[in-house]
């Protein structure tokens, strides 16, 4: 997941004096870099915190950026590869299948502060009296036979999970960039002209 902003100053330089035109590459590169670093990266981090349910610190640290330079007037904000692997479906929607045998969905089990099962949840569930892993009436999972004779589902197995698009990364970043870049560019060009030798 990546969104890039590119600037082509060729058209602009035809109508500007040499002094201004000479500062455009530097000013544009600085404005692009400042936009992704100071506006887009924080906006993407806020977006993840707002649109996802209790994202972990690892997920929040998944946002990165690359700046522009005078030779390459393009800057990007993106999600790192590992986080993008599971966040892509939050952006685009779709169905995912587990890397292992199944997704483990806790049913009335203790969760950590991010809403996930604790590390030893499966082991703890299987350690309870009269528990077993299997399928009951078509539902796979870890079950416990209660004293009453009824079966209680502790952890459900799912072979796929379907998501609707909910992150809106590309739309949100384009909106933030469209608002932030013009002001960043105006400040960068003013600074470049003021300090030019």
Protein backbone atom coordinates (compact mmCIF):
# COMPACT_ATOMS: atom_id res chain seq x y z
CA UNK A 1 0.00 0.00 0.00
CA UNK A 2 1.67 3.17 -1.17
CA UNK A 3 0.73 6.62 -2.35
CA UNK A 4 3.26 8.80 -4.16
CA UNK A 5 3.28 12.46 -5.05
CA UNK A 6 5.27 13.64 -8.01
CA UNK A 7 5.97 17.09 -9.31
CA UNK A 8 6.96 17.97 -12.85
CA UNK A 9 8.33 21.52 -12.92
CA UNK A 10 9.03 21.60 -16.65
CA UNK A 11 5.87 23.53 -17.48
CA UNK A 12 6.44 26.04 -14.71
CA UNK A 13 9.99 26.95 -15.61
CA UNK A 14 8.99 28.20 -19.06
CA UNK A 15 7.17 31.16 -17.52
CA UNK A 16 9.48 32.04 -14.64
CA UNK A 17 12.69 34.00 -14.47
CA UNK A 18 16.00 32.16 -14.16
CA UNK A 19 16.39 33.01 -10.46
CA UNK A 20 13.02 31.52 -9.50
CA UNK A 21 13.29 28.61 -11.92
CA UNK A 22 16.68 27.71 -10.49
CA UNK A 23 15.21 27.32 -7.00
CA UNK A 24 12.18 25.28 -8.03
CA UNK A 25 13.77 21.80 -7.83
CA UNK A 26 15.05 22.40 -4.30
CA UNK A 27 11.81 24.03 -3.12
CA UNK A 28 9.67 21.31 -4.68
CA UNK A 29 11.75 18.47 -3.19
CA UNK A 30 11.60 20.05 0.26
CA UNK A 31 7.86 20.64 0.03
CA UNK A 32 7.20 17.06 -1.11
CA UNK A 33 9.36 15.63 1.67
CA UNK A 34 7.81 17.87 4.32
CA UNK A 35 4.33 16.89 3.14
CA UNK A 36 4.91 13.15 3.48
CA UNK A 37 6.93 13.48 6.71
CA UNK A 38 4.90 16.10 8.59
CA UNK A 39 1.41 15.66 7.15
CA UNK A 40 0.87 12.28 5.50
CA UNK A 41 2.73 9.95 7.87
CA UNK A 42 0.97 11.33 11.00
CA UNK A 43 -2.37 11.33 9.12
CA UNK A 44 -1.89 7.67 8.15
CA UNK A 45 -1.09 6.74 11.75
CA UNK A 46 -4.22 8.53 12.95
CA UNK A 47 -6.26 6.81 10.23
CA UNK A 48 -5.15 3.36 11.40
CA UNK A 49 -5.96 4.22 15.02
CA UNK A 50 -9.38 5.57 14.02
CA UNK A 51 -10.54 2.96 11.49
CA UNK A 52 -9.16 -0.24 13.04
CA UNK A 53 -10.29 -1.77 16.30
CA UNK A 54 -7.46 -1.49 18.86
CA UNK A 55 -4.49 -1.77 16.47
CA UNK A 56 -1.29 -3.05 18.06
CA UNK A 57 1.84 -0.87 18.36
CA UNK A 58 3.44 -3.05 15.65
CA UNK A 59 0.61 -2.18 13.25
CA UNK A 60 0.88 1.52 14.10
CA UNK A 61 4.63 1.42 13.39
CA UNK A 62 3.94 0.14 9.89
CA UNK A 63 3.76 3.60 8.28
CA UNK A 64 6.94 4.88 6.62
CA UNK A 65 7.88 7.48 4.04
CA UNK A 66 10.56 8.23 1.48
CA UNK A 67 11.50 11.80 0.67
CA UNK A 68 12.19 13.55 -2.60
CA UNK A 69 15.39 15.09 -3.91
CA UNK A 70 16.19 17.56 -6.68
CA UNK A 71 16.90 14.78 -9.15
CA UNK A 72 13.78 12.79 -8.30
CA UNK A 73 10.80 14.96 -7.46
CA UNK A 74 8.70 12.20 -5.97
CA UNK A 75 7.91 11.40 -2.33
CA UNK A 76 5.93 8.50 -0.92
CA UNK A 77 4.12 7.41 2.22
CA UNK A 78 3.60 3.66 2.46
CA UNK A 79 2.89 0.71 4.70
CA UNK A 80 5.88 -1.56 5.36
CA UNK A 81 5.77 -4.99 3.75
CA UNK A 82 4.91 -7.08 6.81
CA UNK A 83 2.08 -4.82 7.95
CA UNK A 84 0.87 -4.32 4.36
CA UNK A 85 0.44 -8.07 4.09
CA UNK A 86 -2.52 -8.01 6.49
CA UNK A 87 -3.63 -4.38 6.12
CA UNK A 88 -4.20 -4.67 2.37
CA UNK A 89 -7.49 -6.50 2.94
CA UNK A 90 -8.59 -3.68 5.28
CA UNK A 91 -7.99 -1.25 2.41
CA UNK A 92 -9.35 -3.26 -0.50
CA UNK A 93 -11.70 -5.74 1.17
CA UNK A 94 -11.79 -9.41 0.27
CA UNK A 95 -11.32 -12.83 1.77
CA UNK A 96 -8.20 -14.09 3.51
CA UNK A 97 -7.19 -17.63 4.37
CA UNK A 98 -4.93 -18.57 7.28
CA UNK A 99 -1.28 -19.42 6.88
CA UNK A 100 -1.78 -22.27 9.33
CA UNK A 101 -4.70 -24.65 9.58
CA UNK A 102 -7.30 -22.11 10.69
CA UNK A 103 -7.98 -18.70 12.18
CA UNK A 104 -8.57 -19.01 15.92
CA UNK A 105 -11.56 -16.97 17.09
CA UNK A 106 -11.96 -16.70 20.89
CA UNK A 107 -15.47 -17.26 22.22
CA UNK A 108 -15.80 -15.80 25.71
CA UNK A 109 -12.06 -16.16 26.27
CA UNK A 110 -9.73 -13.68 27.85
CA UNK A 111 -8.24 -11.21 25.38
CA UNK A 112 -5.37 -8.78 25.64
CA UNK A 113 -5.87 -5.01 25.49
CA UNK A 114 -5.76 -5.13 21.68
CA UNK A 115 -8.65 -7.58 21.51
CA UNK A 116 -6.49 -10.57 20.57
CA UNK A 117 -6.20 -13.89 22.34
CA UNK A 118 -3.37 -14.14 24.81
CA UNK A 119 -0.33 -16.11 23.69
CA UNK A 120 -1.15 -19.22 25.73
CA UNK A 121 -4.92 -19.15 25.17
CA UNK A 122 -5.08 -22.39 23.17
CA UNK A 123 -2.88 -24.27 25.62
CA UNK A 124 -4.91 -22.93 28.54
CA UNK A 125 -8.20 -23.86 26.87
CA UNK A 126 -7.05 -27.42 26.17
CA UNK A 127 -5.79 -27.73 29.76
CA UNK A 128 -9.30 -27.23 31.14
CA UNK A 129 -11.17 -30.35 32.29
CA UNK A 130 -13.11 -32.26 29.62
CA UNK A 131 -11.91 -30.19 26.66
CA UNK A 132 -11.20 -31.41 23.15
CA UNK A 133 -10.42 -30.08 19.68
CA UNK A 134 -12.88 -31.16 17.05
CA UNK A 135 -16.03 -30.47 15.08
CA UNK A 136 -19.50 -30.42 16.60
CA UNK A 137 -22.54 -30.01 14.33
CA UNK A 138 -20.28 -28.61 11.62
CA UNK A 139 -18.51 -26.11 13.89
CA UNK A 140 -14.80 -26.73 14.39
CA UNK A 141 -13.03 -25.53 17.49
CA UNK A 142 -11.99 -26.25 21.05
CA UNK A 143 -14.96 -27.46 23.09
CA UNK A 144 -15.53 -28.10 26.76
CA UNK A 145 -18.05 -30.59 28.09
CA UNK A 146 -19.78 -28.99 31.05
CA UNK A 147 -21.02 -30.89 34.13
CA UNK A 148 -24.54 -30.53 32.76
CA UNK A 149 -23.47 -32.49 29.71
CA UNK A 150 -23.76 -29.51 27.36
CA UNK A 151 -20.86 -28.53 25.14
CA UNK A 152 -19.39 -25.05 25.38
CA UNK A 153 -17.38 -23.59 22.50
CA UNK A 154 -14.18 -21.93 23.78
CA UNK A 155 -12.29 -21.20 20.53
CA UNK A 156 -13.80 -21.41 17.05
CA UNK A 157 -11.83 -22.43 13.96
CA UNK A 158 -12.41 -20.43 10.78
CA UNK A 159 -10.93 -21.41 7.42
CA UNK A 160 -11.43 -17.90 5.95
CA UNK A 161 -12.36 -14.37 6.95
CA UNK A 162 -14.10 -11.83 4.73
CA UNK A 163 -13.59 -8.08 5.12
CA UNK A 164 -15.26 -5.02 3.66
CA UNK A 165 -13.00 -2.09 2.70
CA UNK A 166 -12.71 0.23 5.70
CA UNK A 167 -9.28 1.83 5.85
CA UNK A 168 -9.53 4.35 2.99
CA UNK A 169 -5.75 4.91 2.93
CA UNK A 170 -5.48 6.17 -0.66
CA UNK A 171 -8.44 8.53 -0.52
CA UNK A 172 -7.43 9.99 2.84
CA UNK A 173 -3.79 10.50 1.85
CA UNK A 174 -4.76 12.18 -1.44
CA UNK A 175 -7.06 14.55 0.45
CA UNK A 176 -4.42 15.44 3.05
CA UNK A 177 -1.75 15.95 0.38
CA UNK A 178 -4.01 18.16 -1.72
CA UNK A 179 -4.60 20.40 1.28
CA UNK A 180 -1.06 20.40 2.71
CA UNK A 181 1.26 20.53 -0.31
CA UNK A 182 0.41 24.01 -1.70
CA UNK A 183 1.20 25.70 1.63
CA UNK A 184 4.35 23.63 2.09
CA UNK A 185 5.50 24.53 -1.42
CA UNK A 186 4.84 28.26 -0.95
CA UNK A 187 6.91 28.27 2.26
CA UNK A 188 9.72 26.23 0.70
CA UNK A 189 9.97 28.46 -2.38
CA UNK A 190 9.93 31.62 -0.26
CA UNK A 191 12.72 30.20 1.91
CA UNK A 192 14.74 29.08 -1.11
CA UNK A 193 14.54 32.51 -2.75
CA UNK A 194 15.38 34.31 0.50
CA UNK A 195 18.49 32.21 1.16
CA UNK A 196 19.66 31.79 -2.45
CA UNK A 197 23.17 33.05 -3.18
